Amino acid sequence: MKTGNYDVLQTGNSAPVKMWTQGVPVEEDAKKQLLNAAHMPFIFRWMAAMPDVHVGKGATIGSVIPTKGAIIPAAVGVDIGCGMMAVKTSLMASDLPDNLAPLRSAIERAVPHGRTPGKRDEGAWTNAPAEAEAAWSHLADDFKALTDKYPRFKNTNHLNHLGTLGTGNHFIEVCLDESQGVWFMLHSGSRGVGNAIGNFFIELAKKDMEKWFIHVPDKDLAYFPEGTEHFNDYFHAVEWAQRFARANRELMMANVIRAVSGVIAKPFTTESLAVNCHHNYVAREKHYGINNVLVTRKGAVSARKDELGIIPGSMGAKSFIVRGLGNEESFHSCSHGAGRVMSRTAAKKLVSVAEHIQATARVECRKDAEVLDETPSAYKPIEAVMHAQRDLVEIVHTLKQVVCVKG
């Protein structure tokens, strides 16, 4: 029985895909990609598509893929544990300086971001600070166990990326809420080591499909059956990368707070409301009375009853702190953002620097050609996205950025 604001996508013998996309555009290629995944024989009941859904590599971004007895590495993706963190402060808008450029510069100095080719990568630590070393100490033993079996991961960016932002759609923002309270918000994941783990196991799953003569609708839907050695190795590796991603966000947030403290004369505190949530990950959950459902959220956030989450807009749009409504039909999930309507290549071709400057007029941020792929018009309207998922979450706070740092 249908109880939510969704449409159903289904063809042939595929599992249904419940689409929380009313009022927002969905490309045909995204629908085809969803149906490919829905044809996998181990889908648990149905899939859910969030209103920010769009084409991704392997699996559709903005999809919730519940499975029993198997896991698809490409559905988790290569930015394992990517997610958001937000912290409410005691500052008010009136406490911020009129000129926000020094504030942005201070954050950019405090948190390595972007990527520069060569030995001296400005997006990584040359010498990891003591706080990163301390955080790494809680990850090191399990990493050694992983590299004892898969030595290739030793030569990845791991400790030198712990507490760094990265590139693409990752960002750090200073925001104001509806009461003019100041928030810090950031978006990043498991960085180089997570990328290496994701890519390796995606290719390993493809090789397993070939070895066992298993045909899948899309080679990126290659999977590991539960109980196999590779399933167990992958699940442990993903779990570790998700812990790395969470620690990465916590370290960056601490450095942002210190950086802002050095610019703003007024002392401030970070209040008790802090949210740190993944939106590219897999977890064992209980749904419809069944234990050990493997829920893969590829660009989706857990939205259990009263659970807090973060749904960011683009670098010129609103973002939202939300509270989950515990909608079982979405497997307790909501969107992870606005969702792209233009590819990165298309945005750089179709949007001018002048248009980007106008769209980000009230934000202290980069306004050059290199960030046009992240310009607001490259994304779906966040208001329409929020309306489409009104039975998944309720809005607790509405945030608007005044400073945005991009890698």
Protein backbone atom coordinates (compact mmCIF):
# COMPACT_ATOMS: atom_id res chain seq x y z
CA MET A 1 0.00 0.00 0.00
CA LYS A 2 1.35 3.39 -0.97
CA THR A 3 1.61 5.81 1.93
CA GLY A 4 4.23 8.33 0.74
CA ASN A 5 4.65 11.12 -1.82
CA TYR A 6 6.40 8.97 -4.38
CA ASP A 7 5.99 7.45 -7.84
CA VAL A 8 6.92 3.85 -8.66
CA LEU A 9 9.36 2.90 -11.39
CA GLN A 10 9.35 -0.76 -12.47
CA THR A 11 9.81 -2.86 -15.56
CA GLY A 12 9.54 -6.58 -16.25
CA ASN A 13 10.66 -8.60 -13.25
CA SER A 14 12.62 -5.82 -11.59
CA ALA A 15 12.08 -4.83 -7.99
CA PRO A 16 10.03 -1.62 -7.66
CA VAL A 17 11.86 1.69 -7.28
CA LYS A 18 9.98 4.16 -5.10
CA MET A 19 10.81 7.63 -6.43
CA TRP A 20 10.55 10.64 -4.11
CA THR A 21 10.99 12.89 -7.14
CA GLN A 22 7.65 14.64 -7.61
CA GLY A 23 8.26 18.18 -8.84
CA VAL A 24 11.97 17.71 -9.62
CA PRO A 25 13.60 16.66 -12.91
CA VAL A 26 14.99 13.13 -13.33
CA GLU A 27 17.09 12.27 -16.38
CA GLU A 28 16.15 9.17 -18.38
CA ASP A 29 19.65 7.73 -17.97
CA ALA A 30 19.21 7.86 -14.20
CA LYS A 31 15.97 5.88 -14.49
CA LYS A 32 17.71 3.26 -16.66
CA GLN A 33 20.51 3.02 -14.14
CA LEU A 34 18.06 2.57 -11.27
CA LEU A 35 16.24 -0.20 -13.14
CA ASN A 36 19.51 -2.00 -13.86
CA ALA A 37 20.17 -2.17 -10.13
CA ALA A 38 16.54 -3.11 -9.41
CA HIS A 39 16.98 -6.24 -11.55
CA MET A 40 19.61 -7.65 -9.20
CA PRO A 41 18.17 -10.79 -7.55
CA PHE A 42 19.12 -9.88 -3.98
CA ILE A 43 17.29 -6.52 -3.70
CA PHE A 44 15.33 -6.51 -0.43
CA ARG A 45 11.70 -5.60 -1.26
CA TRP A 46 12.36 -2.42 -3.30
CA MET A 47 14.80 0.43 -3.88
CA ALA A 48 14.25 4.08 -2.99
CA ALA A 49 15.28 7.09 -5.10
CA MET A 50 15.72 10.43 -3.41
CA PRO A 51 14.73 13.75 -5.05
CA ASP A 52 18.37 14.64 -5.77
CA VAL A 53 18.79 11.46 -7.85
CA HIS A 54 21.10 11.66 -10.88
CA VAL A 55 23.42 9.45 -12.93
CA GLY A 56 26.50 8.16 -11.14
CA LYS A 57 29.28 5.73 -11.85
CA GLY A 58 28.14 2.21 -11.09
CA ALA A 59 24.99 3.14 -9.25
CA THR A 60 22.70 6.13 -9.27
CA ILE A 61 23.56 8.96 -6.92
CA GLY A 62 20.62 9.60 -4.64
CA SER A 63 19.63 5.93 -4.40
CA VAL A 64 19.01 3.62 -1.47
CA ILE A 65 19.79 0.00 -2.29
CA PRO A 66 18.76 -2.54 0.37
CA THR A 67 20.11 -6.03 -0.22
CA LYS A 68 20.12 -9.45 1.45
CA GLY A 69 23.10 -11.72 1.01
CA ALA A 70 25.23 -9.55 -1.27
CA ILE A 71 26.90 -6.17 -1.54
CA ILE A 72 27.74 -4.07 -4.64
CA PRO A 73 31.02 -2.17 -4.16
CA ALA A 74 30.33 0.32 -6.97
CA ALA A 75 27.03 1.22 -5.29
CA VAL A 76 28.98 2.37 -2.25
CA GLY A 77 31.39 4.09 -4.63
CA VAL A 78 34.93 5.37 -4.20
CA ASP A 79 34.29 8.31 -1.87
CA ILE A 80 33.53 5.89 0.97
CA GLY A 81 32.04 7.55 4.03
CA CYS A 82 31.66 10.90 2.34
CA GLY A 83 29.30 13.04 4.36
CA MET A 84 28.60 16.22 6.27
CA MET A 85 29.35 17.80 9.62
CA ALA A 86 27.74 20.93 11.07
CA VAL A 87 28.23 22.70 14.39
CA LYS A 88 26.14 25.50 15.90
CA THR A 89 28.13 28.27 17.60
CA SER A 90 27.26 30.98 20.13
CA LEU A 91 28.18 33.65 17.56
CA MET A 92 25.61 35.86 15.83
CA ALA A 93 25.84 37.45 12.40
CA SER A 94 26.62 40.79 14.04
CA ASP A 95 29.80 39.25 15.51
CA LEU A 96 31.24 38.55 12.07
CA PRO A 97 33.51 41.17 10.43
CA ASP A 98 32.14 43.27 7.59
CA ASN A 99 34.92 41.98 5.35
CA LEU A 100 34.74 38.17 5.32
CA ALA A 101 37.78 37.64 3.07
CA PRO A 102 40.23 37.30 6.02
CA LEU A 103 37.90 34.69 7.53
CA ARG A 104 37.94 32.63 4.35
CA SER A 105 41.73 32.97 4.11
CA ALA A 106 42.18 31.80 7.70
CA ILE A 107 40.10 28.66 7.06
CA GLU A 108 42.00 27.97 3.83
CA ARG A 109 45.30 28.20 5.73
CA ALA A 110 44.06 25.93 8.53
CA VAL A 111 42.68 23.10 6.38
CA PRO A 112 44.61 21.67 3.40
CA HIS A 113 42.26 21.70 0.39
CA GLY A 114 42.27 21.09 -3.35
CA ARG A 115 45.08 19.21 -5.03
CA THR A 116 48.32 20.36 -6.63
CA PRO A 117 50.25 17.87 -8.79
CA GLY A 118 53.76 16.86 -7.78
CA LYS A 119 55.54 16.02 -4.57
CA ARG A 120 54.31 19.11 -2.70
CA ASP A 121 50.53 18.66 -2.74
CA GLU A 122 48.89 21.60 -0.98
CA GLY A 123 45.83 19.43 -0.38
CA ALA A 124 47.77 17.09 1.93
CA TRP A 125 49.88 17.45 5.08
CA THR A 126 53.63 17.55 4.49
CA ASN A 127 54.04 16.66 8.16
CA ALA A 128 50.82 15.57 9.85
CA PRO A 129 50.06 17.64 12.96
CA ALA A 130 49.79 16.08 16.42
CA GLU A 131 45.97 16.02 16.28
CA ALA A 132 46.04 13.99 13.05
CA GLU A 133 48.62 11.61 14.53
CA ALA A 134 46.39 11.15 17.59
CA ALA A 135 43.32 10.41 15.44
CA TRP A 136 45.35 8.04 13.27
CA SER A 137 46.40 6.07 16.37
CA HIS A 138 42.79 4.87 16.68
CA LEU A 139 42.80 3.72 13.05
CA ALA A 140 46.34 2.38 12.67
CA ASP A 141 45.92 -1.18 14.00
CA ASP A 142 42.98 -2.01 11.74
CA PHE A 143 44.77 -0.39 8.81
CA LYS A 144 47.78 -2.62 9.43
CA ALA A 145 45.50 -5.67 9.42
CA LEU A 146 44.07 -4.48 6.09
CA THR A 147 47.50 -3.85 4.55
CA ASP A 148 48.89 -7.16 5.81
CA LYS A 149 46.48 -8.82 3.40
CA TYR A 150 46.36 -6.07 0.76
CA PRO A 151 49.80 -4.39 0.79
CA ARG A 152 48.81 -2.06 -2.08
CA PHE A 153 46.98 0.20 0.40
CA LYS A 154 50.23 1.05 2.22
CA ASN A 155 51.23 3.41 -0.60
CA THR A 156 48.05 5.48 -0.52
CA ASN A 157 47.40 8.91 0.96
CA HIS A 158 46.11 8.05 4.43
CA LEU A 159 47.63 9.84 7.44
CA ASN A 160 48.70 12.76 5.22
CA HIS A 161 45.03 13.17 4.15
CA LEU A 162 43.49 12.88 7.62
CA GLY A 163 42.01 16.31 8.37
CA THR A 164 42.01 17.56 4.75
CA LEU A 165 39.18 18.63 2.47
CA GLY A 166 39.82 17.36 -1.04
CA THR A 167 38.39 18.61 -4.33
CA GLY A 168 35.15 18.57 -6.34
CA ASN A 169 31.99 19.24 -4.37
CA HIS A 170 33.72 19.11 -0.98
CA PHE A 171 33.50 22.39 0.93
CA ILE A 172 33.74 24.26 4.20
CA GLU A 173 31.17 26.96 4.97
CA VAL A 174 30.30 29.58 7.53
CA CYS A 175 26.51 29.85 7.57
CA LEU A 176 23.73 31.83 9.22
CA ASP A 177 20.51 30.22 10.41
CA GLU A 178 17.00 31.69 10.45
CA SER A 179 17.79 33.49 13.75
CA GLN A 180 21.11 34.87 12.42
CA GLY A 181 23.08 32.35 14.49
CA VAL A 182 26.46 31.30 13.06
CA TRP A 183 27.17 27.71 12.04
CA PHE A 184 30.22 25.95 10.61
CA MET A 185 29.51 23.22 8.08
CA LEU A 186 31.75 20.98 5.98
CA HIS A 187 31.58 18.14 3.47
CA SER A 188 34.25 15.49 2.85
CA GLY A 189 34.99 11.77 3.10
CA SER A 190 37.75 9.18 3.31
CA ARG A 191 40.03 10.93 0.82
CA GLY A 192 42.83 9.09 -1.02
CA VAL A 193 42.81 5.90 0.98
CA GLY A 194 39.03 5.50 0.68
CA ASN A 195 39.27 6.07 -3.06
CA ALA A 196 41.94 3.37 -3.37
CA ILE A 197 39.88 0.90 -1.31
CA GLY A 198 36.75 1.59 -3.36
CA ASN A 199 38.43 1.26 -6.75
CA PHE A 200 40.31 -1.90 -5.82
CA PHE A 201 37.29 -3.81 -4.56
CA ILE A 202 35.09 -2.63 -7.45
CA GLU A 203 37.59 -4.18 -9.88
CA LEU A 204 37.93 -7.29 -7.69
CA ALA A 205 34.15 -7.81 -7.80
CA LYS A 206 34.22 -7.55 -11.62
CA LYS A 207 36.92 -10.22 -11.75
CA ASP A 208 34.85 -12.45 -9.48
CA MET A 209 31.86 -12.12 -11.83
CA GLU A 210 34.04 -13.20 -14.75
CA LYS A 211 35.50 -16.10 -12.77
CA TRP A 212 32.05 -17.38 -11.80
CA PHE A 213 30.46 -16.66 -15.22
CA ILE A 214 27.86 -14.38 -13.62
CA HIS A 215 26.19 -11.87 -15.95
CA VAL A 216 25.05 -8.54 -14.50
CA PRO A 217 23.01 -5.84 -16.31
CA ASP A 218 25.92 -3.41 -15.92
CA LYS A 219 29.49 -4.48 -15.16
CA ASP A 220 29.58 -1.89 -12.36
CA LEU A 221 26.88 -3.90 -10.56
CA ALA A 222 29.41 -6.65 -9.85
CA TYR A 223 28.90 -7.93 -6.32
CA PHE A 224 30.31 -10.00 -3.46
CA PRO A 225 28.02 -12.72 -2.05
CA GLU A 226 27.80 -12.68 1.73
CA GLY A 227 29.90 -15.35 3.40
CA THR A 228 32.71 -15.18 0.83
CA GLU A 229 36.23 -14.08 1.69
CA HIS A 230 36.05 -11.00 -0.53
CA PHE A 231 32.73 -9.93 0.99
CA ASN A 232 34.21 -10.07 4.48
CA ASP A 233 37.39 -8.25 3.44
CA TYR A 234 35.42 -5.55 1.66
CA PHE A 235 32.97 -5.01 4.51
CA HIS A 236 35.81 -4.60 7.02
CA ALA A 237 37.66 -2.23 4.67
CA VAL A 238 34.55 -0.11 4.09
CA GLU A 239 33.82 0.04 7.80
CA TRP A 240 37.37 1.26 8.41
CA ALA A 241 37.13 3.89 5.64
CA GLN A 242 33.86 5.15 7.12
CA ARG A 243 35.58 5.59 10.50
CA PHE A 244 38.41 7.44 8.74
CA ALA A 245 35.89 9.74 7.03
CA ARG A 246 34.15 10.60 10.30
CA ALA A 247 37.49 11.35 12.01
CA ASN A 248 38.54 13.42 8.99
CA ARG A 249 35.50 15.67 9.37
CA GLU A 250 36.00 16.01 13.13
CA LEU A 251 39.64 17.08 12.66
CA MET A 252 38.74 19.63 10.00
CA MET A 253 35.97 21.07 12.15
CA ALA A 254 38.36 21.51 15.08
CA ASN A 255 40.77 23.37 12.79
CA VAL A 256 37.99 25.56 11.39
CA ILE A 257 36.92 26.53 14.91
CA ARG A 258 40.52 27.44 15.80
CA ALA A 259 40.94 29.41 12.58
CA VAL A 260 37.78 31.47 13.14
CA SER A 261 38.81 32.08 16.77
CA GLY A 262 41.98 33.71 15.48
CA VAL A 263 40.05 36.17 13.31
CA ILE A 264 37.03 37.07 15.45
CA ALA A 265 37.82 39.01 18.61
CA LYS A 266 34.75 37.83 20.50
CA PRO A 267 35.19 34.52 22.35
CA PHE A 268 32.61 31.91 21.36
CA THR A 269 31.57 28.37 22.12
CA THR A 270 30.32 25.56 19.92
CA GLU A 271 26.94 24.56 21.23
CA SER A 272 25.71 21.04 21.86
CA LEU A 273 23.98 20.70 18.49
CA ALA A 274 26.51 19.01 16.19
CA VAL A 275 25.70 16.60 13.36
CA ASN A 276 28.18 14.24 11.65
CA CYS A 277 26.54 11.98 9.06
CA HIS A 278 27.67 9.81 6.14
CA HIS A 279 25.89 9.88 2.81
CA ASN A 280 28.01 7.36 0.79
CA TYR A 281 28.13 4.17 2.81
CA VAL A 282 26.73 0.76 3.68
CA ALA A 283 25.36 -0.43 7.03
CA ARG A 284 23.65 -3.49 8.48
CA GLU A 285 20.15 -2.46 9.58
CA LYS A 286 16.82 -3.95 10.63
CA HIS A 287 13.84 -3.26 8.36
CA TYR A 288 10.35 -4.77 8.34
CA GLY A 289 11.40 -7.06 11.19
CA ILE A 290 14.32 -8.51 9.22
CA ASN A 291 17.84 -8.22 10.64
CA ASN A 292 21.04 -7.79 8.66
CA VAL A 293 19.58 -5.92 5.71
CA LEU A 294 22.58 -4.36 3.97
CA VAL A 295 21.49 -0.80 3.20
CA THR A 296 23.71 1.02 0.73
CA ARG A 297 23.08 4.76 0.64
CA LYS A 298 24.74 6.25 -2.44
CA GLY A 299 24.12 9.95 -1.96
CA ALA A 300 21.49 9.50 0.75
CA VAL A 301 21.33 10.14 4.49
CA SER A 302 19.91 8.04 7.31
CA ALA A 303 16.64 9.63 8.51
CA ARG A 304 15.41 7.44 11.35
CA LYS A 305 12.73 8.87 13.62
CA ASP A 306 14.15 12.01 15.32
CA GLU A 307 17.65 11.44 13.87
CA LEU A 308 19.35 14.67 12.80
CA GLY A 309 20.86 15.01 9.33
CA ILE A 310 22.24 17.61 6.93
CA ILE A 311 20.98 18.38 3.42
CA PRO A 312 23.21 21.01 1.77
CA GLY A 313 22.33 23.10 -1.25
CA SER A 314 24.84 24.43 -3.76
CA MET A 315 27.44 27.10 -2.93
CA GLY A 316 24.85 29.84 -3.44
CA ALA A 317 21.74 28.18 -2.03
CA LYS A 318 20.20 27.28 1.32
CA SER A 319 21.13 24.20 3.34
CA PHE A 320 19.06 22.39 5.95
CA ILE A 321 19.50 20.70 9.29
CA VAL A 322 16.71 18.12 9.29
CA ARG A 323 15.08 15.64 11.64
CA GLY A 324 14.15 12.21 10.31
CA LEU A 325 10.53 11.14 10.25
CA GLY A 326 11.39 7.42 10.23
CA ASN A 327 9.66 6.65 6.92
CA GLU A 328 10.08 2.90 6.52
CA GLU A 329 9.26 2.92 2.81
CA SER A 330 12.41 4.95 2.14
CA PHE A 331 14.34 2.63 4.48
CA HIS A 332 14.65 5.61 6.84
CA SER A 333 16.49 7.73 4.26
CA CYS A 334 16.46 11.22 2.76
CA SER A 335 18.44 13.10 0.10
CA HIS A 336 22.06 14.14 0.60
CA GLY A 337 21.77 17.45 -1.24
CA ALA A 338 20.19 19.16 -4.21
CA GLY A 339 21.51 16.84 -6.94
CA ARG A 340 23.09 17.84 -10.22
CA VAL A 341 21.16 18.88 -13.33
CA MET A 342 24.36 19.54 -15.31
CA SER A 343 27.47 17.43 -15.56
CA ARG A 344 30.70 19.11 -14.52
CA THR A 345 31.74 19.41 -18.15
CA ALA A 346 28.38 20.89 -19.19
CA ALA A 347 28.42 23.45 -16.37
CA LYS A 348 31.85 24.72 -17.41
CA LYS A 349 30.62 25.08 -20.99
CA LEU A 350 27.20 26.58 -20.31
CA VAL A 351 27.76 28.90 -17.32
CA SER A 352 29.84 32.04 -17.56
CA VAL A 353 32.03 33.46 -14.82
CA ALA A 354 29.77 36.53 -14.78
CA GLU A 355 26.71 34.34 -14.14
CA HIS A 356 28.56 32.53 -11.35
CA ILE A 357 29.56 35.83 -9.75
CA GLN A 358 25.95 36.99 -9.80
CA ALA A 359 24.68 33.69 -8.35
CA THR A 360 27.16 33.88 -5.45
CA ALA A 361 26.92 37.64 -4.93
CA ARG A 362 26.33 37.41 -1.17
CA VAL A 363 28.93 34.70 -0.52
CA GLU A 364 32.64 35.15 0.16
CA CYS A 365 33.96 32.40 -2.13
CA ARG A 366 35.96 31.65 -5.23
CA LYS A 367 34.50 33.28 -8.31
CA ASP A 368 36.78 31.95 -11.05
CA ALA A 369 36.34 29.59 -13.99
CA GLU A 370 37.76 26.63 -12.05
CA VAL A 371 34.67 26.38 -9.81
CA LEU A 372 31.99 26.75 -12.50
CA ASP A 373 31.20 23.03 -12.20
CA GLU A 374 29.93 23.81 -8.68
CA THR A 375 27.93 26.92 -9.56
CA PRO A 376 24.34 27.02 -8.21
CA SER A 377 22.64 26.53 -11.59
CA ALA A 378 24.43 23.18 -12.00
CA TYR A 379 22.13 21.83 -9.25
CA LYS A 380 18.42 21.22 -8.82
CA PRO A 381 16.44 23.87 -6.88
CA ILE A 382 16.89 22.87 -3.24
CA GLU A 383 13.40 24.11 -2.29
CA ALA A 384 11.78 21.68 -4.76
CA VAL A 385 14.01 18.87 -3.46
CA MET A 386 12.93 19.54 0.11
CA HIS A 387 9.24 19.67 -0.81
CA ALA A 388 9.48 16.32 -2.61
CA GLN A 389 10.72 14.62 0.59
CA ARG A 390 8.40 16.28 3.08
CA ASP A 391 7.30 12.85 4.35
CA LEU A 392 10.92 11.80 4.97
CA VAL A 393 12.25 14.69 7.06
CA GLU A 394 11.21 17.89 8.76
CA ILE A 395 13.33 21.04 8.67
CA VAL A 396 14.89 22.04 12.00
CA HIS A 397 17.15 24.87 10.78
CA THR A 398 17.57 26.67 7.47
CA LEU A 399 21.16 27.77 6.81
CA LYS A 400 22.55 30.24 4.28
CA GLN A 401 26.29 30.39 3.68
CA VAL A 402 28.25 33.66 3.89
CA VAL A 403 31.67 32.04 3.41
CA CYS A 404 32.42 29.02 1.21
CA VAL A 405 35.82 27.33 0.82
CA LYS A 406 36.19 24.99 -2.17
CA GLY A 407 39.06 22.69 -2.99
